[in-house]
């Protein structure tokens, strides 16, 4: 039974990594990225809720006098 020749595997693997790296770099270089993104100032709207305008107290059942 003949043995598998693995002498060229290192060359093939390294050339594959080099090719994938070059393809990835070419794909990324075609994207347009913003150079200086400015933050958008959003106006926060205040919503009035009923519990903010009046005083409320939460009574726990175990703290009530018997």
Protein backbone atom coordinates (compact mmCIF):
# COMPACT_ATOMS: atom_id res chain seq x y z
CA UNK A 1 0.00 0.00 0.00
CA UNK A 2 1.62 3.30 -1.04
CA UNK A 3 2.11 6.07 1.46
CA UNK A 4 0.54 9.49 1.09
CA UNK A 5 2.97 12.13 -0.09
CA UNK A 6 2.68 15.11 2.30
CA UNK A 7 5.75 17.02 1.20
CA UNK A 8 3.77 19.68 -0.68
CA UNK A 9 1.07 20.24 1.94
CA UNK A 10 2.90 23.05 3.70
CA UNK A 11 3.32 24.95 0.44
CA UNK A 12 -0.34 24.48 -0.47
CA UNK A 13 -1.58 25.55 2.98
CA UNK A 14 0.62 28.64 3.05
CA UNK A 15 -0.42 29.65 -0.46
CA UNK A 16 -4.07 29.15 0.49
CA UNK A 17 -3.68 31.44 3.53
CA UNK A 18 -1.91 34.05 1.44
CA UNK A 19 -4.65 33.92 -1.22
CA UNK A 20 -7.43 34.18 1.36
CA UNK A 21 -5.69 37.12 3.03
CA UNK A 22 -5.32 38.96 -0.28
CA UNK A 23 -8.96 38.31 -1.23
CA UNK A 24 -10.14 39.50 2.18
CA UNK A 25 -8.03 42.65 1.94
CA UNK A 26 -9.43 43.43 -1.50
CA UNK A 27 -13.00 42.94 -0.30
CA UNK A 28 -12.50 45.16 2.77
CA UNK A 29 -10.75 47.88 0.78
CA UNK A 30 -13.81 48.32 -1.46
CA UNK A 31 -16.00 49.43 1.46
CA UNK A 32 -16.54 53.12 2.13
CA UNK A 33 -16.09 53.96 5.79
CA UNK A 34 -16.95 57.30 7.35
CA UNK A 35 -13.80 59.15 8.35
CA UNK A 36 -15.20 61.18 11.25
CA UNK A 37 -18.69 60.14 12.35
CA UNK A 38 -20.50 62.91 14.20
CA UNK A 39 -22.81 61.98 17.09
CA UNK A 40 -26.43 62.81 16.41
CA UNK A 41 -27.98 64.91 19.17
CA UNK A 42 -31.33 63.39 20.04
CA UNK A 43 -33.88 65.35 22.03
CA UNK A 44 -35.09 63.34 24.99
CA UNK A 45 -38.81 63.62 25.53
CA UNK A 46 -39.98 63.71 29.14
CA UNK A 47 -43.01 61.55 29.81
CA UNK A 48 -45.04 62.38 32.87
CA UNK A 49 -46.13 59.31 34.76
CA UNK A 50 -48.67 59.32 37.60
CA UNK A 51 -46.19 58.14 40.20
CA UNK A 52 -43.81 61.01 39.51
CA UNK A 53 -46.33 63.73 40.30
CA UNK A 54 -47.63 62.38 43.62
CA UNK A 55 -46.22 60.65 46.65
CA UNK A 56 -46.93 56.94 46.84
CA UNK A 57 -46.07 54.34 49.42
CA UNK A 58 -45.91 50.59 48.94
CA UNK A 59 -47.24 48.54 51.84
CA UNK A 60 -45.93 45.02 52.14
CA UNK A 61 -48.45 42.55 53.58
CA UNK A 62 -45.98 41.23 56.15
CA UNK A 63 -45.30 44.70 57.57
CA UNK A 64 -48.93 45.54 58.29
CA UNK A 65 -49.92 45.44 61.96
CA UNK A 66 -51.96 42.40 62.95
